[in-house]
Amino acid sequence: MRHTISVLVDNKPGVLARVAGLFSGRGFNIECLSVNETLDPTVSQMTLVTRGDDQLIEQIIKQLNKLIDVIKVVDLENGDYVGREMALIKVSVENTKRSEVLSIVDIFRGKVVDISPSFYTIEVTGDEAKIRAIVELFKPIGIKEIARTGKVALTRESKERKA
C-alpha cells in the first residue's frame, strides 16, 4: 500500500542525503519526494511517498525519528490530508490537433504556459489520478517531454471549531 509521509527536518546541508540514505540502506524505495522550506527558514518539510505494509511503514517512521535533524514524522494516510502534484507536459500540436489539445486542457483546468509552432507546454495540477488521466489522453496526440513535481501534502484541519 502507498503511504504519504510528511517529515519536518532542520534546514541544514546533508539532511536530505541522510533521509535518502536511510531508505536506500534498508532497501526501501522512495517513489516520490518533495522538499521545501517552511515559513520558518530553519525548517524544511519533506513529503515522500513509499510503499509497504503497516509494519514496514511503522519501521520506516521509527527509523526516521531516530535521525538527528528530524523534528516530526507523520504518516498522512492515518488521517485526512490534501495532496497535489504538478506536471508540465510538452504536447505536439499539428494544426488539426490544436483544438483537441486545448479542449483537454480546459476539461482538466490546466493552462497553456508556452507555445511554439509545433508544441504547447501544458501545466496541470491535481492528485495523481488527474495527472495520470491527462497524460493518458495526451499520449496518442504525442508527448515530447514531461516533468512532474513530487507530491506535496498537508493535513486537513478539523471541521469542528476548537474553543
N, C-alpha and C. Protein backbone atom coordinates (compact mmCIF):
# COMPACT_ATOMS: atom_id res chain seq x y z
N MET A 1 0.84 -1.19 0.00
CA MET A 1 0.00 0.00 0.00
C MET A 1 0.88 1.24 0.00
N ARG A 2 0.47 2.25 -0.75
CA ARG A 2 1.23 3.51 -0.81
C ARG A 2 0.95 4.35 0.43
N HIS A 3 2.00 4.97 0.92
CA HIS A 3 1.88 5.86 2.07
C HIS A 3 2.56 7.18 1.75
N THR A 4 1.89 8.27 2.11
CA THR A 4 2.47 9.60 2.01
C THR A 4 2.91 10.00 3.41
N ILE A 5 4.20 10.31 3.52
CA ILE A 5 4.79 10.61 4.82
C ILE A 5 5.31 12.04 4.81
N SER A 6 4.94 12.81 5.81
CA SER A 6 5.42 14.17 5.98
C SER A 6 6.52 14.16 7.04
N VAL A 7 7.65 14.78 6.71
CA VAL A 7 8.79 14.80 7.63
C VAL A 7 9.26 16.25 7.77
N LEU A 8 9.17 16.80 8.97
CA LEU A 8 9.74 18.12 9.25
C LEU A 8 11.18 17.91 9.70
N VAL A 9 12.10 18.66 9.09
CA VAL A 9 13.52 18.49 9.39
C VAL A 9 14.18 19.85 9.55
N ASP A 10 15.33 19.85 10.23
CA ASP A 10 16.14 21.06 10.27
C ASP A 10 16.63 21.34 8.86
N ASN A 11 16.61 22.60 8.47
CA ASN A 11 17.04 23.00 7.14
C ASN A 11 18.56 23.17 7.15
N LYS A 12 19.25 22.04 7.01
CA LYS A 12 20.72 22.02 7.06
C LYS A 12 21.25 21.18 5.91
N PRO A 13 22.47 21.46 5.47
CA PRO A 13 23.07 20.63 4.43
C PRO A 13 23.20 19.18 4.90
N GLY A 14 22.92 18.24 4.00
CA GLY A 14 23.11 16.83 4.29
C GLY A 14 21.90 16.10 4.84
N VAL A 15 20.86 16.83 5.24
CA VAL A 15 19.68 16.18 5.83
C VAL A 15 18.98 15.30 4.79
N LEU A 16 18.79 15.82 3.61
CA LEU A 16 18.14 15.04 2.55
C LEU A 16 18.96 13.78 2.26
N ALA A 17 20.25 13.90 2.22
CA ALA A 17 21.12 12.74 1.95
C ALA A 17 20.96 11.69 3.05
N ARG A 18 20.84 12.12 4.31
CA ARG A 18 20.67 11.16 5.40
C ARG A 18 19.32 10.44 5.31
N VAL A 19 18.27 11.18 4.96
CA VAL A 19 16.95 10.57 4.82
C VAL A 19 16.98 9.57 3.65
N ALA A 20 17.52 9.99 2.52
CA ALA A 20 17.59 9.10 1.36
C ALA A 20 18.48 7.90 1.67
N GLY A 21 19.56 8.11 2.40
CA GLY A 21 20.45 7.02 2.78
C GLY A 21 19.76 6.01 3.68
N LEU A 22 18.90 6.50 4.56
CA LEU A 22 18.15 5.59 5.42
C LEU A 22 17.30 4.66 4.56
N PHE A 23 16.64 5.21 3.56
CA PHE A 23 15.80 4.40 2.69
C PHE A 23 16.63 3.41 1.87
N SER A 24 17.66 3.90 1.21
CA SER A 24 18.44 3.01 0.34
C SER A 24 19.19 1.96 1.15
N GLY A 25 19.67 2.33 2.31
CA GLY A 25 20.43 1.39 3.14
C GLY A 25 19.59 0.23 3.65
N ARG A 26 18.29 0.42 3.72
CA ARG A 26 17.40 -0.63 4.20
C ARG A 26 16.56 -1.25 3.09
N GLY A 27 16.85 -0.85 1.85
CA GLY A 27 16.15 -1.43 0.72
C GLY A 27 14.74 -0.91 0.51
N PHE A 28 14.42 0.27 1.08
CA PHE A 28 13.12 0.88 0.88
C PHE A 28 13.22 1.78 -0.36
N ASN A 29 12.11 1.96 -1.04
CA ASN A 29 12.11 2.83 -2.21
C ASN A 29 11.30 4.09 -1.93
N ILE A 30 11.83 5.22 -2.36
CA ILE A 30 11.09 6.48 -2.33
C ILE A 30 10.52 6.66 -3.73
N GLU A 31 9.20 6.59 -3.87
CA GLU A 31 8.57 6.73 -5.18
C GLU A 31 8.44 8.18 -5.59
N CYS A 32 8.33 9.05 -4.62
CA CYS A 32 8.09 10.46 -4.89
C CYS A 32 8.65 11.26 -3.72
N LEU A 33 9.29 12.39 -4.02
CA LEU A 33 9.90 13.19 -2.97
C LEU A 33 9.80 14.67 -3.31
N SER A 34 9.38 15.46 -2.35
CA SER A 34 9.33 16.90 -2.50
C SER A 34 9.85 17.52 -1.21
N VAL A 35 10.73 18.50 -1.34
CA VAL A 35 11.31 19.15 -0.16
C VAL A 35 11.30 20.66 -0.38
N ASN A 36 10.91 21.39 0.66
CA ASN A 36 10.97 22.84 0.57
C ASN A 36 10.99 23.45 1.96
N GLU A 37 11.47 24.67 2.02
CA GLU A 37 11.50 25.44 3.25
C GLU A 37 10.07 25.72 3.71
N THR A 38 9.87 25.79 5.03
CA THR A 38 8.57 26.16 5.58
C THR A 38 8.55 27.67 5.83
N LEU A 39 7.55 28.16 6.54
CA LEU A 39 7.54 29.58 6.90
C LEU A 39 8.74 29.93 7.77
N ASP A 40 9.22 28.96 8.53
CA ASP A 40 10.43 29.13 9.33
C ASP A 40 11.61 28.69 8.47
N PRO A 41 12.50 29.59 8.08
CA PRO A 41 13.59 29.23 7.17
C PRO A 41 14.59 28.22 7.76
N THR A 42 14.49 27.93 9.05
CA THR A 42 15.38 26.94 9.65
C THR A 42 14.80 25.53 9.59
N VAL A 43 13.57 25.41 9.06
CA VAL A 43 12.87 24.12 9.00
C VAL A 43 12.40 23.86 7.57
N SER A 44 12.57 22.61 7.12
CA SER A 44 12.07 22.19 5.81
C SER A 44 11.04 21.09 6.01
N GLN A 45 10.12 20.98 5.04
CA GLN A 45 9.16 19.89 5.05
C GLN A 45 9.45 18.99 3.87
N MET A 46 9.60 17.70 4.17
CA MET A 46 9.73 16.69 3.12
C MET A 46 8.41 15.97 3.04
N THR A 47 7.93 15.78 1.83
CA THR A 47 6.78 14.92 1.60
C THR A 47 7.29 13.80 0.72
N LEU A 48 7.17 12.57 1.21
CA LEU A 48 7.64 11.45 0.41
C LEU A 48 6.58 10.38 0.34
N VAL A 49 6.63 9.65 -0.75
CA VAL A 49 5.68 8.56 -0.97
C VAL A 49 6.49 7.27 -1.09
N THR A 50 6.05 6.26 -0.37
CA THR A 50 6.70 4.96 -0.40
C THR A 50 5.63 3.88 -0.32
N ARG A 51 6.03 2.66 -0.55
CA ARG A 51 5.09 1.53 -0.47
C ARG A 51 5.51 0.58 0.63
N GLY A 52 4.51 0.00 1.27
CA GLY A 52 4.79 -1.01 2.28
C GLY A 52 3.56 -1.30 3.11
N ASP A 53 3.61 -2.44 3.80
CA ASP A 53 2.50 -2.75 4.69
C ASP A 53 2.65 -1.91 5.96
N ASP A 54 1.67 -1.98 6.83
CA ASP A 54 1.67 -1.14 8.03
C ASP A 54 2.92 -1.36 8.89
N GLN A 55 3.37 -2.60 8.97
CA GLN A 55 4.55 -2.91 9.78
C GLN A 55 5.81 -2.26 9.20
N LEU A 56 5.96 -2.31 7.88
CA LEU A 56 7.12 -1.70 7.24
C LEU A 56 7.09 -0.18 7.40
N ILE A 57 5.92 0.41 7.23
CA ILE A 57 5.80 1.87 7.36
C ILE A 57 6.11 2.28 8.80
N GLU A 58 5.64 1.50 9.76
CA GLU A 58 5.95 1.78 11.16
C GLU A 58 7.46 1.75 11.39
N GLN A 59 8.13 0.78 10.78
CA GLN A 59 9.59 0.68 10.90
C GLN A 59 10.28 1.90 10.26
N ILE A 60 9.80 2.31 9.10
CA ILE A 60 10.37 3.48 8.43
C ILE A 60 10.21 4.72 9.31
N ILE A 61 9.03 4.90 9.89
CA ILE A 61 8.78 6.08 10.73
C ILE A 61 9.68 6.06 11.96
N LYS A 62 9.84 4.90 12.58
CA LYS A 62 10.74 4.80 13.75
C LYS A 62 12.17 5.15 13.36
N GLN A 63 12.62 4.65 12.21
CA GLN A 63 13.99 4.94 11.76
C GLN A 63 14.16 6.42 11.44
N LEU A 64 13.15 7.03 10.81
CA LEU A 64 13.22 8.46 10.51
C LEU A 64 13.30 9.28 11.79
N ASN A 65 12.51 8.90 12.79
CA ASN A 65 12.51 9.63 14.06
C ASN A 65 13.85 9.54 14.78
N LYS A 66 14.65 8.54 14.48
CA LYS A 66 15.97 8.40 15.11
C LYS A 66 17.02 9.32 14.49
N LEU A 67 16.76 9.84 13.30
CA LEU A 67 17.73 10.73 12.66
C LEU A 67 17.80 12.05 13.41
N ILE A 68 19.00 12.55 13.58
CA ILE A 68 19.26 13.72 14.41
C ILE A 68 18.48 14.97 13.99
N ASP A 69 18.41 15.27 12.70
CA ASP A 69 17.80 16.52 12.24
C ASP A 69 16.30 16.41 11.98
N VAL A 70 15.70 15.27 12.30
CA VAL A 70 14.26 15.10 12.09
C VAL A 70 13.50 15.65 13.29
N ILE A 71 12.53 16.51 13.02
CA ILE A 71 11.73 17.15 14.07
C ILE A 71 10.43 16.38 14.29
N LYS A 72 9.75 16.01 13.20
CA LYS A 72 8.44 15.35 13.32
C LYS A 72 8.18 14.51 12.07
N VAL A 73 7.61 13.33 12.28
CA VAL A 73 7.24 12.43 11.17
C VAL A 73 5.77 12.07 11.31
N VAL A 74 5.02 12.21 10.21
CA VAL A 74 3.59 11.88 10.22
C VAL A 74 3.25 11.06 8.98
N ASP A 75 2.64 9.89 9.20
CA ASP A 75 2.09 9.12 8.09
C ASP A 75 0.73 9.72 7.78
N LEU A 76 0.64 10.44 6.69
CA LEU A 76 -0.59 11.16 6.36
C LEU A 76 -1.75 10.22 6.02
N GLU A 77 -1.45 8.97 5.71
CA GLU A 77 -2.51 8.01 5.40
C GLU A 77 -3.35 7.69 6.64
N ASN A 78 -2.84 8.01 7.83
CA ASN A 78 -3.58 7.76 9.07
C ASN A 78 -4.60 8.84 9.38
N GLY A 79 -4.70 9.85 8.55
CA GLY A 79 -5.65 10.93 8.79
C GLY A 79 -6.14 11.48 7.47
N ASP A 80 -6.77 12.63 7.53
CA ASP A 80 -7.31 13.28 6.35
C ASP A 80 -6.30 14.33 5.89
N TYR A 81 -5.97 14.32 4.61
CA TYR A 81 -5.00 15.29 4.10
C TYR A 81 -5.33 15.69 2.67
N VAL A 82 -4.72 16.80 2.25
CA VAL A 82 -4.83 17.28 0.88
C VAL A 82 -3.47 17.08 0.23
N GLY A 83 -3.45 16.41 -0.91
CA GLY A 83 -2.20 16.18 -1.63
C GLY A 83 -2.35 16.57 -3.08
N ARG A 84 -1.33 17.20 -3.63
CA ARG A 84 -1.34 17.63 -5.02
C ARG A 84 0.05 17.47 -5.62
N GLU A 85 0.07 17.35 -6.94
CA GLU A 85 1.32 17.45 -7.67
C GLU A 85 1.07 18.26 -8.92
N MET A 86 2.13 18.68 -9.58
CA MET A 86 2.02 19.49 -10.77
C MET A 86 2.83 18.83 -11.86
N ALA A 87 2.34 18.94 -13.09
CA ALA A 87 3.07 18.40 -14.23
C ALA A 87 3.15 19.46 -15.32
N LEU A 88 4.30 19.50 -15.99
CA LEU A 88 4.46 20.26 -17.22
C LEU A 88 4.57 19.22 -18.33
N ILE A 89 3.71 19.35 -19.33
CA ILE A 89 3.65 18.36 -20.40
C ILE A 89 3.80 19.08 -21.74
N LYS A 90 4.83 18.72 -22.50
CA LYS A 90 5.04 19.31 -23.82
C LYS A 90 4.37 18.40 -24.84
N VAL A 91 3.31 18.93 -25.48
CA VAL A 91 2.47 18.14 -26.37
C VAL A 91 2.61 18.64 -27.80
N SER A 92 2.72 17.69 -28.72
CA SER A 92 2.78 18.01 -30.14
C SER A 92 1.43 18.58 -30.59
N VAL A 93 1.46 19.67 -31.36
CA VAL A 93 0.21 20.27 -31.83
C VAL A 93 0.28 20.53 -33.33
N GLU A 94 -0.05 19.51 -34.09
CA GLU A 94 -0.23 19.74 -35.52
C GLU A 94 -1.47 20.60 -35.65
N ASN A 95 -1.62 21.26 -36.77
CA ASN A 95 -2.77 22.16 -36.95
C ASN A 95 -4.10 21.50 -36.63
N THR A 96 -4.24 20.22 -36.95
CA THR A 96 -5.51 19.54 -36.73
C THR A 96 -5.71 19.14 -35.27
N LYS A 97 -4.67 19.20 -34.46
CA LYS A 97 -4.76 18.76 -33.06
C LYS A 97 -4.87 19.90 -32.06
N ARG A 98 -4.67 21.12 -32.49
CA ARG A 98 -4.65 22.26 -31.56
C ARG A 98 -5.95 22.37 -30.76
N SER A 99 -7.08 22.29 -31.41
CA SER A 99 -8.35 22.44 -30.70
C SER A 99 -8.59 21.26 -29.76
N GLU A 100 -8.16 20.05 -30.15
CA GLU A 100 -8.30 18.89 -29.27
C GLU A 100 -7.46 19.06 -28.01
N VAL A 101 -6.23 19.53 -28.18
CA VAL A 101 -5.34 19.76 -27.03
C VAL A 101 -5.94 20.82 -26.12
N LEU A 102 -6.40 21.92 -26.68
CA LEU A 102 -6.99 23.00 -25.87
C LEU A 102 -8.25 22.54 -25.15
N SER A 103 -9.02 21.68 -25.77
CA SER A 103 -10.22 21.14 -25.13
C SER A 103 -9.86 20.29 -23.92
N ILE A 104 -8.85 19.43 -24.07
CA ILE A 104 -8.39 18.60 -22.94
C ILE A 104 -7.86 19.47 -21.82
N VAL A 105 -7.07 20.48 -22.17
CA VAL A 105 -6.53 21.40 -21.16
C VAL A 105 -7.66 22.06 -20.39
N ASP A 106 -8.68 22.50 -21.09
CA ASP A 106 -9.83 23.16 -20.47
C ASP A 106 -10.57 22.21 -19.53
N ILE A 107 -10.82 20.99 -19.97
CA ILE A 107 -11.53 20.00 -19.16
C ILE A 107 -10.79 19.73 -17.85
N PHE A 108 -9.45 19.67 -17.92
CA PHE A 108 -8.65 19.36 -16.74
C PHE A 108 -8.23 20.61 -15.96
N ARG A 109 -8.76 21.76 -16.35
CA ARG A 109 -8.44 23.04 -15.71
C ARG A 109 -6.93 23.31 -15.69
N GLY A 110 -6.31 22.96 -16.80
CA GLY A 110 -4.87 23.21 -16.94
C GLY A 110 -4.64 24.57 -17.59
N LYS A 111 -3.37 24.85 -17.87
CA LYS A 111 -3.01 26.11 -18.52
C LYS A 111 -1.97 25.82 -19.59
N VAL A 112 -2.07 26.53 -20.70
CA VAL A 112 -1.00 26.52 -21.68
C VAL A 112 -0.02 27.58 -21.22
N VAL A 113 1.21 27.16 -20.90
CA VAL A 113 2.19 28.11 -20.36
C VAL A 113 3.29 28.47 -21.35
N ASP A 114 3.34 27.75 -22.49
CA ASP A 114 4.31 28.09 -23.52
C ASP A 114 3.80 27.55 -24.85
N ILE A 115 4.04 28.33 -25.90
CA ILE A 115 3.58 27.96 -27.23
C ILE A 115 4.74 28.11 -28.21
N SER A 116 4.89 27.09 -29.06
CA SER A 116 5.80 27.19 -30.19
C SER A 116 5.03 26.72 -31.41
N PRO A 117 5.59 26.83 -32.60
CA PRO A 117 4.83 26.39 -33.78
C PRO A 117 4.42 24.90 -33.73
N SER A 118 5.20 24.07 -33.05
CA SER A 118 4.92 22.64 -33.06
C SER A 118 4.46 22.06 -31.73
N PHE A 119 4.62 22.83 -30.63
CA PHE A 119 4.33 22.27 -29.32
C PHE A 119 3.64 23.28 -28.41
N TYR A 120 2.78 22.76 -27.53
CA TYR A 120 2.24 23.52 -26.41
C TYR A 120 2.83 22.89 -25.15
N THR A 121 3.21 23.73 -24.21
CA THR A 121 3.59 23.22 -22.89
C THR A 121 2.42 23.50 -21.97
N ILE A 122 1.93 22.42 -21.37
CA ILE A 122 0.73 22.46 -20.54
C ILE A 122 1.12 22.32 -19.08
N GLU A 123 0.50 23.11 -18.22
CA GLU A 123 0.66 22.96 -16.77
C GLU A 123 -0.66 22.44 -16.21
N VAL A 124 -0.57 21.38 -15.43
CA VAL A 124 -1.78 20.84 -14.80
C VAL A 124 -1.43 20.46 -13.36
N THR A 125 -2.36 20.77 -12.45
CA THR A 125 -2.18 20.49 -11.03
C THR A 125 -3.34 19.65 -10.55
N GLY A 126 -3.03 18.67 -9.69
CA GLY A 126 -4.09 17.85 -9.12
C GLY A 126 -3.53 16.64 -8.42
N ASP A 127 -4.43 15.71 -8.10
CA ASP A 127 -3.95 14.49 -7.48
C ASP A 127 -3.33 13.58 -8.55
N GLU A 128 -2.73 12.51 -8.10
CA GLU A 128 -2.01 11.63 -9.02
C GLU A 128 -2.92 11.07 -10.11
N ALA A 129 -4.15 10.75 -9.77
CA ALA A 129 -5.09 10.19 -10.75
C ALA A 129 -5.39 11.20 -11.87
N LYS A 130 -5.53 12.46 -11.51
CA LYS A 130 -5.79 13.50 -12.52
C LYS A 130 -4.60 13.65 -13.46
N ILE A 131 -3.39 13.67 -12.89
CA ILE A 131 -2.19 13.81 -13.72
C ILE A 131 -2.07 12.60 -14.66
N ARG A 132 -2.29 11.42 -14.12
CA ARG A 132 -2.20 10.20 -14.92
C ARG A 132 -3.24 10.22 -16.05
N ALA A 133 -4.46 10.69 -15.76
CA ALA A 133 -5.53 10.73 -16.76
C ALA A 133 -5.19 11.67 -17.92
N ILE A 134 -4.70 12.86 -17.62
CA ILE A 134 -4.39 13.80 -18.71
C ILE A 134 -3.20 13.30 -19.53
N VAL A 135 -2.24 12.67 -18.88
CA VAL A 135 -1.10 12.09 -19.61
C VAL A 135 -1.60 11.02 -20.58
N GLU A 136 -2.50 10.17 -20.12
CA GLU A 136 -3.04 9.11 -20.99
C GLU A 136 -3.78 9.70 -22.19
N LEU A 137 -4.49 10.82 -21.99
CA LEU A 137 -5.20 11.45 -23.11
C LEU A 137 -4.23 12.10 -24.10
N PHE A 138 -3.10 12.61 -23.61
CA PHE A 138 -2.14 13.25 -24.50
C PHE A 138 -1.23 12.26 -25.22
N LYS A 139 -1.08 11.04 -24.71
CA LYS A 139 -0.17 10.06 -25.33
C LYS A 139 -0.47 9.84 -26.82
N PRO A 140 -1.73 9.60 -27.20
CA PRO A 140 -1.99 9.38 -28.64
C PRO A 140 -1.72 10.62 -29.49
N ILE A 141 -1.82 11.80 -28.89
CA ILE A 141 -1.57 13.05 -29.61
C ILE A 141 -0.08 13.24 -29.81
N GLY A 142 0.69 12.88 -28.79
CA GLY A 142 2.15 12.97 -28.89
C GLY A 142 2.75 13.82 -27.80
N ILE A 143 3.31 13.18 -26.79
CA ILE A 143 4.02 13.88 -25.72
C ILE A 143 5.50 13.86 -26.05
N LYS A 144 6.10 15.04 -26.13
CA LYS A 144 7.54 15.12 -26.39
C LYS A 144 8.32 14.99 -25.09
N GLU A 145 7.78 15.61 -24.03
CA GLU A 145 8.52 15.68 -22.77
C GLU A 145 7.53 15.90 -21.64
N ILE A 146 7.89 15.40 -20.46
CA ILE A 146 7.05 15.61 -19.29
C ILE A 146 7.94 15.77 -18.07
N ALA A 147 7.57 16.68 -17.18
CA ALA A 147 8.25 16.86 -15.89
C ALA A 147 7.17 16.95 -14.82
N ARG A 148 7.35 16.20 -13.75
CA ARG A 148 6.36 16.20 -12.66
C ARG A 148 7.04 16.54 -11.34
N THR A 149 6.31 17.28 -10.53
CA THR A 149 6.80 17.54 -9.19
C THR A 149 6.50 16.30 -8.35
N GLY A 150 7.07 16.24 -7.20
CA GLY A 150 6.64 15.23 -6.24
C GLY A 150 5.35 15.70 -5.60
N LYS A 151 4.73 14.80 -4.89
CA LYS A 151 3.50 15.15 -4.19
C LYS A 151 3.84 16.10 -3.04
N VAL A 152 3.02 17.11 -2.87
CA VAL A 152 3.07 17.95 -1.68
C VAL A 152 1.76 17.73 -0.95
N ALA A 153 1.81 17.75 0.37
CA ALA A 153 0.61 17.42 1.13
C ALA A 153 0.60 18.12 2.47
N LEU A 154 -0.60 18.43 2.93
CA LEU A 154 -0.83 19.00 4.26
C LEU A 154 -2.03 18.30 4.88
N THR A 155 -1.99 18.14 6.20
CA THR A 155 -3.15 17.56 6.88
C THR A 155 -4.30 18.55 6.82
N ARG A 156 -5.50 18.02 6.79
CA ARG A 156 -6.70 18.87 6.83
C ARG A 156 -6.95 19.26 8.28
N GLU A 157 -7.46 20.45 8.46
CA GLU A 157 -7.87 20.88 9.79
C GLU A 157 -9.25 20.30 10.08
N SER A 158 -9.53 20.08 11.32
CA SER A 158 -10.82 19.56 11.74
C SER A 158 -11.90 20.57 11.36
N LYS A 159 -13.04 20.07 10.94
CA LYS A 159 -14.14 20.95 10.58
C LYS A 159 -14.84 21.52 11.81
N GLU A 160 -14.60 20.88 12.95
CA GLU A 160 -15.17 21.39 14.20
C GLU A 160 -14.28 22.50 14.73
N ARG A 161 -14.88 23.54 15.20
CA ARG A 161 -14.09 24.64 15.80
C ARG A 161 -13.70 24.28 17.21
N LYS A 162 -12.45 24.49 17.50
CA LYS A 162 -11.98 24.22 18.87
C LYS A 162 -12.11 25.49 19.71
N ALA A 163 -12.60 25.34 20.90
CA ALA A 163 -12.82 26.50 21.77
C ALA A 163 -11.56 26.92 22.46
